[in-house]
Amino acid sequence: MFNLLLFTLVGVGAQLVDGALGMAFGVTATTLLMIGGLGPAQASAAVHLAEVGTTLASGVSHWKFKNIDWKLVAKLGVPGAVGAFIGATVLSGLSTEAAVPITATILLAIGIYVALRFSVRPPAVTNARTTPHTARFLSPLGLFGGFIDASGGGGWGPITTSTLLSRGKTAPRTVIGSVSASEFLVASAASLGFLVGLGHESMGNLLVVAGLALGGVIAAPFAAWLVSRVPATLLGTAVGGVIVLTNAQKLFKSFDITGAVTVAGYLTIIAAWAALLFYAWNRSTLTPAEAEGDFTGVELAVETELTEPAVKRER
């Protein structure tokens, strides 16, 4: 009973993050499960099996609120499912010791990307309810996102949602809704891949799956409330920092790095994380026009600094 409660709390935490950002359920849940002692392949398998239920519920909700572009779902989700199946079978074939540093490196890279993406310059977007992107762009994105998602224990949202938002050609609600709906295909294919690669072992953590799924369902309405209260820039930066810090610890342990080097590494990560959080908080207090003006001012200062020497030479 205690373990079910524990995994439910993990699911609640992961869903709060995912509901607020439209991403990071897999990354957050896998990281927390690995901290709890579960192997990389087993953690990823449990998370993806739980996501079959949570993503289905999320997709239905987005469909009811008309947040889905089904062409985007097809062009992104089908290649994503192929990539996820391949990623799951690859991870299943690795030994636990070999998989830990690989998975931790992938998660650390995703954490850095999420922290920088949400703190430095949140993407500008349009209100277009359908995507103009073709399969030539979406298929490789989905294939790569699905592979990283399954092999790294998460990453579908950080890779696909952030990429599509950064292009600025589709409304955020449509991007998040379509990515969430397509994740059902990715989670299903990854679960099948783990079943092929791990056999019955992939079904040996049903308590974990049940807890994650239950927590996700419970947290869904609270996540909707949270996203309306906490700026996405601040929350995204915080989550990215947690992911970086926890997976850096795993890499230090895997490569037997100890002493002053680890202390210096942790201090560097914490200092950079605190700086990004402070910057994200400052940006969250500005209006969109002020935030844009702030960034433009930085660009103007850099441009002035570069052109001043040339002006002085002309004089």
C-alpha atoms as a PDB file:
ATOM      1  CA  MET A   1       0.000   0.000   0.000  1.00  0.00           C
ATOM      2  CA  PHE A   2       2.859   2.353   0.873  1.00  0.00           C
ATOM      3  CA  ASN A   3       4.564   1.669  -2.485  1.00  0.00           C
ATOM      4  CA  LEU A   4       1.341   2.374  -4.367  1.00  0.00           C
ATOM      5  CA  LEU A   5       1.037   5.692  -2.524  1.00  0.00           C
ATOM      6  CA  LEU A   6       4.673   6.515  -3.307  1.00  0.00           C
ATOM      7  CA  PHE A   7       4.306   5.849  -7.040  1.00  0.00           C
ATOM      8  CA  THR A   8       1.013   7.739  -7.072  1.00  0.00           C
ATOM      9  CA  LEU A   9       2.820  10.771  -5.656  1.00  0.00           C
ATOM     10  CA  VAL A  10       5.452  10.399  -8.392  1.00  0.00           C
ATOM     11  CA  GLY A  11       2.641  10.343 -10.959  1.00  0.00           C
ATOM     12  CA  VAL A  12       1.074  13.426  -9.381  1.00  0.00           C
ATOM     13  CA  GLY A  13       4.353  15.334  -9.538  1.00  0.00           C
ATOM     14  CA  ALA A  14       5.077  14.301 -13.109  1.00  0.00           C
ATOM     15  CA  GLN A  15       1.554  15.178 -14.265  1.00  0.00           C
ATOM     16  CA  LEU A  16       1.686  18.587 -12.585  1.00  0.00           C
ATOM     17  CA  VAL A  17       4.817  19.346 -14.597  1.00  0.00           C
ATOM     18  CA  ASP A  18       3.418  17.886 -17.804  1.00  0.00           C
ATOM     19  CA  GLY A  19       0.077  19.627 -17.425  1.00  0.00           C
ATOM     20  CA  ALA A  20       1.739  22.982 -16.875  1.00  0.00           C
ATOM     21  CA  LEU A  21       4.278  22.696 -19.699  1.00  0.00           C
ATOM     22  CA  GLY A  22       2.755  20.246 -22.156  1.00  0.00           C
ATOM     23  CA  MET A  23       5.838  18.073 -21.670  1.00  0.00           C
ATOM     24  CA  ALA A  24       8.163  16.263 -19.275  1.00  0.00           C
ATOM     25  CA  PHE A  25       5.894  13.567 -17.732  1.00  0.00           C
ATOM     26  CA  GLY A  26       8.233  10.846 -18.990  1.00  0.00           C
ATOM     27  CA  VAL A  27      11.458  12.669 -18.113  1.00  0.00           C
ATOM     28  CA  THR A  28      10.274  13.588 -14.621  1.00  0.00           C
ATOM     29  CA  ALA A  29       8.756  10.205 -13.778  1.00  0.00           C
ATOM     30  CA  THR A  30      11.697   8.211 -15.165  1.00  0.00           C
ATOM     31  CA  THR A  31      14.207  10.347 -13.274  1.00  0.00           C
ATOM     32  CA  LEU A  32      12.299   9.915  -9.992  1.00  0.00           C
ATOM     33  CA  LEU A  33      11.904   6.149 -10.505  1.00  0.00           C
ATOM     34  CA  MET A  34      15.616   5.750 -11.263  1.00  0.00           C
ATOM     35  CA  ILE A  35      16.449   7.707  -8.107  1.00  0.00           C
ATOM     36  CA  GLY A  36      14.240   5.176  -6.302  1.00  0.00           C
ATOM     37  CA  GLY A  37      16.403   2.318  -7.582  1.00  0.00           C
ATOM     38  CA  LEU A  38      14.522   1.081 -10.656  1.00  0.00           C
ATOM     39  CA  GLY A  39      16.687   0.175 -13.672  1.00  0.00           C
ATOM     40  CA  PRO A  40      16.606   2.422 -16.769  1.00  0.00           C
ATOM     41  CA  ALA A  41      14.781  -0.036 -19.022  1.00  0.00           C
ATOM     42  CA  GLN A  42      12.340  -1.062 -16.294  1.00  0.00           C
ATOM     43  CA  ALA A  43      11.643   2.578 -15.372  1.00  0.00           C
ATOM     44  CA  SER A  44      11.065   3.608 -18.988  1.00  0.00           C
ATOM     45  CA  ALA A  45       8.848   0.572 -19.610  1.00  0.00           C
ATOM     46  CA  ALA A  46       6.690   1.352 -16.561  1.00  0.00           C
ATOM     47  CA  VAL A  47       6.390   5.028 -17.471  1.00  0.00           C
ATOM     48  CA  HIS A  48       5.375   4.341 -21.068  1.00  0.00           C
ATOM     49  CA  LEU A  49       2.839   1.704 -20.076  1.00  0.00           C
ATOM     50  CA  ALA A  50       1.290   4.216 -17.653  1.00  0.00           C
ATOM     51  CA  GLU A  51       1.351   6.863 -20.378  1.00  0.00           C
ATOM     52  CA  VAL A  52      -0.845   4.712 -22.606  1.00  0.00           C
ATOM     53  CA  GLY A  53      -3.679   5.558 -20.228  1.00  0.00           C
ATOM     54  CA  THR A  54      -2.705   9.122 -19.331  1.00  0.00           C
ATOM     55  CA  THR A  55      -2.071  10.198 -22.932  1.00  0.00           C
ATOM     56  CA  LEU A  56      -5.364   8.671 -24.068  1.00  0.00           C
ATOM     57  CA  ALA A  57      -7.212  10.692 -21.429  1.00  0.00           C
ATOM     58  CA  SER A  58      -5.209  13.791 -22.325  1.00  0.00           C
ATOM     59  CA  GLY A  59      -5.913  13.339 -26.034  1.00  0.00           C
ATOM     60  CA  VAL A  60      -9.649  12.981 -25.458  1.00  0.00           C
ATOM     61  CA  SER A  61      -9.667  16.117 -23.318  1.00  0.00           C
ATOM     62  CA  HIS A  62      -7.819  18.129 -25.954  1.00  0.00           C
ATOM     63  CA  TRP A  63     -10.179  16.814 -28.638  1.00  0.00           C
ATOM     64  CA  LYS A  64     -13.194  18.019 -26.656  1.00  0.00           C
ATOM     65  CA  PHE A  65     -11.644  21.477 -26.362  1.00  0.00           C
ATOM     66  CA  LYS A  66     -10.805  21.464 -30.105  1.00  0.00           C
ATOM     67  CA  ASN A  67      -7.073  21.711 -29.525  1.00  0.00           C
ATOM     68  CA  ILE A  68      -6.054  19.052 -32.050  1.00  0.00           C
ATOM     69  CA  ASP A  69      -4.928  19.196 -35.670  1.00  0.00           C
ATOM     70  CA  TRP A  70      -5.318  15.573 -36.777  1.00  0.00           C
ATOM     71  CA  LYS A  71      -3.002  16.004 -39.755  1.00  0.00           C
ATOM     72  CA  LEU A  72      -0.279  17.088 -37.358  1.00  0.00           C
ATOM     73  CA  VAL A  73      -1.023  14.082 -35.153  1.00  0.00           C
ATOM     74  CA  ALA A  74      -0.649  11.676 -38.087  1.00  0.00           C
ATOM     75  CA  LYS A  75       2.485  13.230 -39.580  1.00  0.00           C
ATOM     76  CA  LEU A  76       4.187  13.438 -36.191  1.00  0.00           C
ATOM     77  CA  GLY A  77       2.761  10.474 -34.278  1.00  0.00           C
ATOM     78  CA  VAL A  78       3.236   7.638 -36.792  1.00  0.00           C
ATOM     79  CA  PRO A  79       6.997   8.257 -37.279  1.00  0.00           C
ATOM     80  CA  GLY A  80       7.202   8.858 -33.523  1.00  0.00           C
ATOM     81  CA  ALA A  81       5.749   5.403 -32.891  1.00  0.00           C
ATOM     82  CA  VAL A  82       8.363   3.833 -35.190  1.00  0.00           C
ATOM     83  CA  GLY A  83      11.175   5.675 -33.404  1.00  0.00           C
ATOM     84  CA  ALA A  84       9.783   4.717 -29.989  1.00  0.00           C
ATOM     85  CA  PHE A  85       9.634   1.008 -30.875  1.00  0.00           C
ATOM     86  CA  ILE A  86      13.252   1.088 -32.058  1.00  0.00           C
ATOM     87  CA  GLY A  87      14.370   3.056 -28.990  1.00  0.00           C
ATOM     88  CA  ALA A  88      12.628   0.646 -26.603  1.00  0.00           C
ATOM     89  CA  THR A  89      14.212  -2.440 -28.169  1.00  0.00           C
ATOM     90  CA  VAL A  90      17.653  -0.786 -28.158  1.00  0.00           C
ATOM     91  CA  LEU A  91      17.373   0.147 -24.463  1.00  0.00           C
ATOM     92  CA  SER A  92      16.088  -3.337 -23.605  1.00  0.00           C
ATOM     93  CA  GLY A  93      19.195  -4.890 -25.161  1.00  0.00           C
ATOM     94  CA  LEU A  94      21.601  -2.909 -22.982  1.00  0.00           C
ATOM     95  CA  SER A  95      22.791  -4.131 -19.616  1.00  0.00           C
ATOM     96  CA  THR A  96      21.654  -2.125 -16.619  1.00  0.00           C
ATOM     97  CA  GLU A  97      25.159  -0.790 -15.957  1.00  0.00           C
ATOM     98  CA  ALA A  98      25.598   0.258 -19.590  1.00  0.00           C
ATOM     99  CA  ALA A  99      22.165   1.851 -19.786  1.00  0.00           C
ATOM    100  CA  VAL A 100      22.512   4.093 -16.723  1.00  0.00           C
ATOM    101  CA  PRO A 101      25.113   6.545 -18.128  1.00  0.00           C
ATOM    102  CA  ILE A 102      23.469   6.552 -21.564  1.00  0.00           C
ATOM    103  CA  THR A 103      20.020   7.296 -20.167  1.00  0.00           C
ATOM    104  CA  ALA A 104      21.387   9.828 -17.677  1.00  0.00           C
ATOM    105  CA  THR A 105      23.285  11.653 -20.446  1.00  0.00           C
ATOM    106  CA  ILE A 106      20.158  11.880 -22.614  1.00  0.00           C
ATOM    107  CA  LEU A 107      18.059  13.112 -19.693  1.00  0.00           C
ATOM    108  CA  LEU A 108      20.731  15.630 -18.665  1.00  0.00           C
ATOM    109  CA  ALA A 109      20.853  17.037 -22.207  1.00  0.00           C
ATOM    110  CA  ILE A 110      17.068  17.310 -22.268  1.00  0.00           C
ATOM    111  CA  GLY A 111      17.129  19.040 -18.868  1.00  0.00           C
ATOM    112  CA  ILE A 112      19.648  21.623 -20.104  1.00  0.00           C
ATOM    113  CA  TYR A 113      17.544  22.251 -23.191  1.00  0.00           C
ATOM    114  CA  VAL A 114      14.328  22.673 -21.194  1.00  0.00           C
ATOM    115  CA  ALA A 115      15.958  25.047 -18.674  1.00  0.00           C
ATOM    116  CA  LEU A 116      17.530  27.227 -21.364  1.00  0.00           C
ATOM    117  CA  ARG A 117      14.499  27.140 -23.633  1.00  0.00           C
ATOM    118  CA  PHE A 118      12.079  28.378 -20.988  1.00  0.00           C
ATOM    119  CA  SER A 119      14.360  30.881 -19.272  1.00  0.00           C
ATOM    120  CA  VAL A 120      16.319  32.652 -22.004  1.00  0.00           C
ATOM    121  CA  ARG A 121      13.762  33.325 -24.711  1.00  0.00           C
ATOM    122  CA  PRO A 122      10.288  31.750 -24.682  1.00  0.00           C
ATOM    123  CA  PRO A 123       9.163  31.298 -28.304  1.00  0.00           C
ATOM    124  CA  ALA A 124       6.815  33.681 -30.082  1.00  0.00           C
ATOM    125  CA  VAL A 125       3.831  31.967 -31.693  1.00  0.00           C
ATOM    126  CA  THR A 126       0.837  32.647 -33.902  1.00  0.00           C
ATOM    127  CA  ASN A 127      -2.837  31.799 -33.473  1.00  0.00           C
ATOM    128  CA  ALA A 128      -2.989  29.387 -36.436  1.00  0.00           C
ATOM    129  CA  ARG A 129      -5.147  26.377 -35.545  1.00  0.00           C
ATOM    130  CA  THR A 130      -3.634  24.121 -38.223  1.00  0.00           C
ATOM    131  CA  THR A 131       0.013  23.485 -38.906  1.00  0.00           C
ATOM    132  CA  PRO A 132       1.667  24.535 -42.182  1.00  0.00           C
ATOM    133  CA  HIS A 133       4.519  22.064 -41.655  1.00  0.00           C
ATOM    134  CA  THR A 134       4.878  19.210 -44.137  1.00  0.00           C
ATOM    135  CA  ALA A 135       5.697  15.558 -43.525  1.00  0.00           C
ATOM    136  CA  ARG A 136       9.251  16.267 -44.722  1.00  0.00           C
ATOM    137  CA  PHE A 137       9.781  18.326 -41.554  1.00  0.00           C
ATOM    138  CA  LEU A 138       7.480  16.501 -39.130  1.00  0.00           C
ATOM    139  CA  SER A 139       8.457  12.894 -39.902  1.00  0.00           C
ATOM    140  CA  PRO A 140      12.165  13.178 -38.959  1.00  0.00           C
ATOM    141  CA  LEU A 141      11.176  15.219 -35.899  1.00  0.00           C
ATOM    142  CA  GLY A 142       8.719  12.544 -34.811  1.00  0.00           C
ATOM    143  CA  LEU A 143      11.170   9.691 -35.516  1.00  0.00           C
ATOM    144  CA  PHE A 144      13.920  11.342 -33.487  1.00  0.00           C
ATOM    145  CA  GLY A 145      11.569  12.400 -30.678  1.00  0.00           C
ATOM    146  CA  GLY A 146      10.096   8.909 -30.390  1.00  0.00           C
ATOM    147  CA  PHE A 147      13.520   7.248 -30.278  1.00  0.00           C
ATOM    148  CA  ILE A 148      14.828   9.612 -27.589  1.00  0.00           C
ATOM    149  CA  ASP A 149      11.583   9.302 -25.639  1.00  0.00           C
ATOM    150  CA  ALA A 150      11.808   5.511 -25.372  1.00  0.00           C
ATOM    151  CA  SER A 151      15.584   5.142 -25.038  1.00  0.00           C
ATOM    152  CA  GLY A 152      15.944   8.045 -22.611  1.00  0.00           C
ATOM    153  CA  GLY A 153      12.796   7.421 -20.604  1.00  0.00           C
ATOM    154  CA  GLY A 154      11.227  10.662 -21.816  1.00  0.00           C
ATOM    155  CA  GLY A 155      11.720  13.538 -24.192  1.00  0.00           C
ATOM    156  CA  TRP A 156       8.802  13.442 -26.613  1.00  0.00           C
ATOM    157  CA  GLY A 157       7.321  16.684 -25.317  1.00  0.00           C
ATOM    158  CA  PRO A 158      10.576  18.613 -24.784  1.00  0.00           C
ATOM    159  CA  ILE A 159      11.743  17.768 -28.308  1.00  0.00           C
ATOM    160  CA  THR A 160       8.552  18.040 -30.350  1.00  0.00           C
ATOM    161  CA  THR A 161       6.581  20.675 -28.430  1.00  0.00           C
ATOM    162  CA  SER A 162       9.555  22.998 -28.019  1.00  0.00           C
ATOM    163  CA  THR A 163      10.579  22.607 -31.661  1.00  0.00           C
ATOM    164  CA  LEU A 164       7.094  23.330 -32.996  1.00  0.00           C
ATOM    165  CA  LEU A 165       6.573  26.284 -30.664  1.00  0.00           C
ATOM    166  CA  SER A 166       9.962  27.712 -31.601  1.00  0.00           C
ATOM    167  CA  ARG A 167       8.920  27.701 -35.268  1.00  0.00           C
ATOM    168  CA  GLY A 168       6.140  30.137 -34.337  1.00  0.00           C
ATOM    169  CA  LYS A 169       3.691  28.959 -37.011  1.00  0.00           C
ATOM    170  CA  THR A 170       1.043  27.164 -34.936  1.00  0.00           C
ATOM    171  CA  ALA A 171      -1.039  28.205 -31.914  1.00  0.00           C
ATOM    172  CA  PRO A 172       0.304  26.834 -28.590  1.00  0.00           C
ATOM    173  CA  ARG A 173      -2.989  25.108 -27.743  1.00  0.00           C
ATOM    174  CA  THR A 174      -2.906  23.265 -31.066  1.00  0.00           C
ATOM    175  CA  VAL A 175       0.745  22.267 -30.647  1.00  0.00           C
ATOM    176  CA  ILE A 176       0.265  20.994 -27.099  1.00  0.00           C
ATOM    177  CA  GLY A 177      -3.019  19.239 -27.886  1.00  0.00           C
ATOM    178  CA  SER A 178      -1.699  17.549 -31.031  1.00  0.00           C
ATOM    179  CA  VAL A 179       1.578  16.502 -29.418  1.00  0.00           C
ATOM    180  CA  SER A 180      -0.329  15.084 -26.430  1.00  0.00           C
ATOM    181  CA  ALA A 181      -2.672  13.125 -28.696  1.00  0.00           C
ATOM    182  CA  SER A 182       0.189  11.769 -30.818  1.00  0.00           C
ATOM    183  CA  GLU A 183       2.007  10.680 -27.664  1.00  0.00           C
ATOM    184  CA  PHE A 184      -0.585   7.933 -27.257  1.00  0.00           C
ATOM    185  CA  LEU A 185       0.859   6.295 -30.394  1.00  0.00           C
ATOM    186  CA  VAL A 186       4.403   6.777 -29.095  1.00  0.00           C
ATOM    187  CA  ALA A 187       3.635   5.327 -25.658  1.00  0.00           C
ATOM    188  CA  SER A 188       1.818   2.330 -27.161  1.00  0.00           C
ATOM    189  CA  ALA A 189       4.669   1.554 -29.576  1.00  0.00           C
ATOM    190  CA  ALA A 190       7.289   1.962 -26.828  1.00  0.00           C
ATOM    191  CA  SER A 191       5.348  -0.408 -24.552  1.00  0.00           C
ATOM    192  CA  LEU A 192       5.225  -2.963 -27.357  1.00  0.00           C
ATOM    193  CA  GLY A 193       8.960  -2.534 -27.920  1.00  0.00           C
ATOM    194  CA  PHE A 194       9.706  -3.132 -24.242  1.00  0.00           C
ATOM    195  CA  LEU A 195       7.453  -6.194 -24.291  1.00  0.00           C
ATOM    196  CA  VAL A 196       9.477  -7.584 -27.201  1.00  0.00           C
ATOM    197  CA  GLY A 197      12.821  -6.639 -25.645  1.00  0.00           C
ATOM    198  CA  LEU A 198      12.176  -7.438 -21.980  1.00  0.00           C
ATOM    199  CA  GLY A 199       9.447 -10.032 -22.275  1.00  0.00           C
ATOM    200  CA  HIS A 200       7.382 -10.556 -19.138  1.00  0.00           C
ATOM    201  CA  GLU A 201       9.889  -8.461 -17.188  1.00  0.00           C
ATOM    202  CA  SER A 202       8.326  -5.368 -18.735  1.00  0.00           C
ATOM    203  CA  MET A 203       5.063  -6.293 -17.012  1.00  0.00           C
ATOM    204  CA  GLY A 204       6.703  -6.886 -13.646  1.00  0.00           C
ATOM    205  CA  ASN A 205       6.117  -3.380 -12.337  1.00  0.00           C
ATOM    206  CA  LEU A 206       2.343  -3.180 -12.549  1.00  0.00           C
ATOM    207  CA  LEU A 207       2.222  -1.503  -9.131  1.00  0.00           C
ATOM    208  CA  VAL A 208       4.451   1.269 -10.494  1.00  0.00           C
ATOM    209  CA  VAL A 209       2.267   1.576 -13.598  1.00  0.00           C
ATOM    210  CA  ALA A 210      -0.928   1.711 -11.548  1.00  0.00           C
ATOM    211  CA  GLY A 211       0.494   4.354  -9.223  1.00  0.00           C
ATOM    212  CA  LEU A 212       1.761   6.567 -12.048  1.00  0.00           C
ATOM    213  CA  ALA A 213      -1.524   6.311 -13.940  1.00  0.00           C
ATOM    214  CA  LEU A 214      -3.599   6.998 -10.827  1.00  0.00           C
ATOM    215  CA  GLY A 215      -1.430   9.966  -9.897  1.00  0.00           C
ATOM    216  CA  GLY A 216      -1.692  11.357 -13.418  1.00  0.00           C
ATOM    217  CA  VAL A 217      -5.480  11.225 -13.352  1.00  0.00           C
ATOM    218  CA  ILE A 218      -5.663  12.815  -9.904  1.00  0.00           C
ATOM    219  CA  ALA A 219      -3.264  15.622 -10.793  1.00  0.00           C
ATOM    220  CA  ALA A 220      -4.823  16.573 -14.136  1.00  0.00           C
ATOM    221  CA  PRO A 221      -7.274  19.193 -12.789  1.00  0.00           C
ATOM    222  CA  PHE A 222      -4.634  20.612 -10.421  1.00  0.00           C
ATOM    223  CA  ALA A 223      -2.212  20.895 -13.335  1.00  0.00           C
ATOM    224  CA  ALA A 224      -4.776  22.976 -15.195  1.00  0.00           C
ATOM    225  CA  TRP A 225      -5.037  25.255 -12.166  1.00  0.00           C
ATOM    226  CA  LEU A 226      -1.241  25.421 -11.792  1.00  0.00           C
ATOM    227  CA  VAL A 227      -0.641  26.486 -15.368  1.00  0.00           C
ATOM    228  CA  SER A 228      -2.940  29.454 -14.815  1.00  0.00           C
ATOM    229  CA  ARG A 229      -1.027  30.557 -11.703  1.00  0.00           C
ATOM    230  CA  VAL A 230       2.680  29.817 -12.253  1.00  0.00           C
ATOM    231  CA  PRO A 231       4.482  31.241 -15.301  1.00  0.00           C
ATOM    232  CA  ALA A 232       5.554  28.482 -17.675  1.00  0.00           C
ATOM    233  CA  THR A 233       8.991  30.107 -17.995  1.00  0.00           C
ATOM    234  CA  LEU A 234       9.644  29.784 -14.265  1.00  0.00           C
ATOM    235  CA  LEU A 235       8.259  26.259 -13.933  1.00  0.00           C
ATOM    236  CA  GLY A 236      10.100  25.017 -17.026  1.00  0.00           C
ATOM    237  CA  THR A 237      13.399  26.419 -15.771  1.00  0.00           C
ATOM    238  CA  ALA A 238      12.876  24.822 -12.364  1.00  0.00           C
ATOM    239  CA  VAL A 239      12.081  21.414 -13.848  1.00  0.00           C
ATOM    240  CA  GLY A 240      15.049  21.571 -16.218  1.00  0.00           C
ATOM    241  CA  GLY A 241      17.380  22.290 -13.300  1.00  0.00           C
ATOM    242  CA  VAL A 242      16.068  19.367 -11.253  1.00  0.00           C
ATOM    243  CA  ILE A 243      16.541  16.998 -14.181  1.00  0.00           C
ATOM    244  CA  VAL A 244      20.098  18.246 -14.793  1.00  0.00           C
ATOM    245  CA  LEU A 245      21.088  17.993 -11.128  1.00  0.00           C
ATOM    246  CA  THR A 246      19.708  14.493 -10.551  1.00  0.00           C
ATOM    247  CA  ASN A 247      21.182  13.023 -13.714  1.00  0.00           C
ATOM    248  CA  ALA A 248      24.544  14.714 -13.170  1.00  0.00           C
ATOM    249  CA  GLN A 249      24.653  12.836  -9.867  1.00  0.00           C
ATOM    250  CA  LYS A 250      24.070   9.565 -11.705  1.00  0.00           C
ATOM    251  CA  LEU A 251      26.862  10.321 -14.190  1.00  0.00           C
ATOM    252  CA  PHE A 252      29.295  11.177 -11.385  1.00  0.00           C
ATOM    253  CA  LYS A 253      28.453   7.875  -9.722  1.00  0.00           C
ATOM    254  CA  SER A 254      28.667   5.850 -12.943  1.00  0.00           C
ATOM    255  CA  PHE A 255      32.145   7.143 -13.762  1.00  0.00           C
ATOM    256  CA  ASP A 256      33.362   7.070 -10.119  1.00  0.00           C
ATOM    257  CA  ILE A 257      33.930  10.826 -10.022  1.00  0.00           C
ATOM    258  CA  THR A 258      34.258  11.987  -6.431  1.00  0.00           C
ATOM    259  CA  GLY A 259      35.836  14.656  -4.245  1.00  0.00           C
ATOM    260  CA  ALA A 260      36.486  18.216  -5.317  1.00  0.00           C
ATOM    261  CA  VAL A 261      35.439  17.567  -8.914  1.00  0.00           C
ATOM    262  CA  THR A 262      31.888  16.583  -7.908  1.00  0.00           C
ATOM    263  CA  VAL A 263      31.633  19.518  -5.493  1.00  0.00           C
ATOM    264  CA  ALA A 264      32.743  21.916  -8.239  1.00  0.00           C
ATOM    265  CA  GLY A 265      30.290  20.298 -10.657  1.00  0.00           C
ATOM    266  CA  TYR A 266      27.344  20.596  -8.279  1.00  0.00           C
ATOM    267  CA  LEU A 267      28.202  24.200  -7.404  1.00  0.00           C
ATOM    268  CA  THR A 268      28.439  25.111 -11.087  1.00  0.00           C
ATOM    269  CA  ILE A 269      25.080  23.514 -11.867  1.00  0.00           C
ATOM    270  CA  ILE A 270      23.363  25.143  -8.886  1.00  0.00           C
ATOM    271  CA  ALA A 271      24.847  28.565  -9.657  1.00  0.00           C
ATOM    272  CA  ALA A 272      23.801  28.394 -13.322  1.00  0.00           C
ATOM    273  CA  TRP A 273      20.346  27.095 -12.327  1.00  0.00           C
ATOM    274  CA  ALA A 274      19.847  29.904  -9.800  1.00  0.00           C
ATOM    275  CA  ALA A 275      20.874  32.494 -12.397  1.00  0.00           C
ATOM    276  CA  LEU A 276      18.405  31.103 -14.942  1.00  0.00           C
ATOM    277  CA  LEU A 277      15.621  30.984 -12.329  1.00  0.00           C
ATOM    278  CA  PHE A 278      16.285  34.612 -11.408  1.00  0.00           C
ATOM    279  CA  TYR A 279      16.279  35.628 -15.064  1.00  0.00           C
ATOM    280  CA  ALA A 280      13.090  33.639 -15.747  1.00  0.00           C
ATOM    281  CA  TRP A 281      11.390  35.209 -12.721  1.00  0.00           C
ATOM    282  CA  ASN A 282      12.338  38.701 -13.900  1.00  0.00           C
ATOM    283  CA  ARG A 283      10.956  37.980 -17.362  1.00  0.00           C
ATOM    284  CA  SER A 284       7.735  36.572 -15.885  1.00  0.00           C
ATOM    285  CA  THR A 285       7.037  39.922 -14.183  1.00  0.00           C
ATOM    286  CA  LEU A 286       7.266  41.832 -17.463  1.00  0.00           C
ATOM    287  CA  THR A 287       4.493  42.332 -19.990  1.00  0.00           C
ATOM    288  CA  PRO A 288       5.058  40.669 -23.400  1.00  0.00           C
ATOM    289  CA  ALA A 289       5.950  44.062 -24.920  1.00  0.00           C
ATOM    290  CA  GLU A 290       8.414  44.803 -22.100  1.00  0.00           C
ATOM    291  CA  ALA A 291       9.989  41.365 -22.390  1.00  0.00           C
ATOM    292  CA  GLU A 292      10.433  41.804 -26.126  1.00  0.00           C
ATOM    293  CA  GLY A 293      11.861  45.274 -25.576  1.00  0.00           C
ATOM    294  CA  ASP A 294      14.271  43.914 -22.981  1.00  0.00           C
ATOM    295  CA  PHE A 295      15.602  41.332 -25.402  1.00  0.00           C
ATOM    296  CA  THR A 296      15.733  43.851 -28.231  1.00  0.00           C
ATOM    297  CA  GLY A 297      17.743  46.169 -25.977  1.00  0.00           C
ATOM    298  CA  VAL A 298      20.301  43.433 -25.425  1.00  0.00           C
ATOM    299  CA  GLU A 299      20.556  42.872 -29.176  1.00  0.00           C
ATOM    300  CA  LEU A 300      20.929  46.632 -29.749  1.00  0.00           C
ATOM    301  CA  ALA A 301      23.673  46.903 -27.135  1.00  0.00           C
ATOM    302  CA  VAL A 302      25.610  44.053 -28.736  1.00  0.00           C
ATOM    303  CA  GLU A 303      25.157  45.552 -32.193  1.00  0.00           C
ATOM    304  CA  THR A 304      26.347  48.975 -30.948  1.00  0.00           C
ATOM    305  CA  GLU A 305      29.386  47.441 -29.307  1.00  0.00           C
ATOM    306  CA  LEU A 306      30.324  45.700 -32.541  1.00  0.00           C
ATOM    307  CA  THR A 307      29.853  48.737 -34.768  1.00  0.00           C
ATOM    308  CA  GLU A 308      31.441  51.415 -32.550  1.00  0.00           C
ATOM    309  CA  PRO A 309      35.057  50.546 -33.469  1.00  0.00           C
ATOM    310  CA  ALA A 310      34.221  50.846 -37.165  1.00  0.00           C
ATOM    311  CA  VAL A 311      32.620  54.266 -36.588  1.00  0.00           C
ATOM    312  CA  LYS A 312      35.643  55.508 -34.673  1.00  0.00           C
ATOM    313  CA  ARG A 313      37.960  54.384 -37.480  1.00  0.00           C
ATOM    314  CA  GLU A 314      35.885  56.323 -40.020  1.00  0.00           C
ATOM    315  CA  ARG A 315      36.240  59.451 -37.892  1.00  0.00           C
END
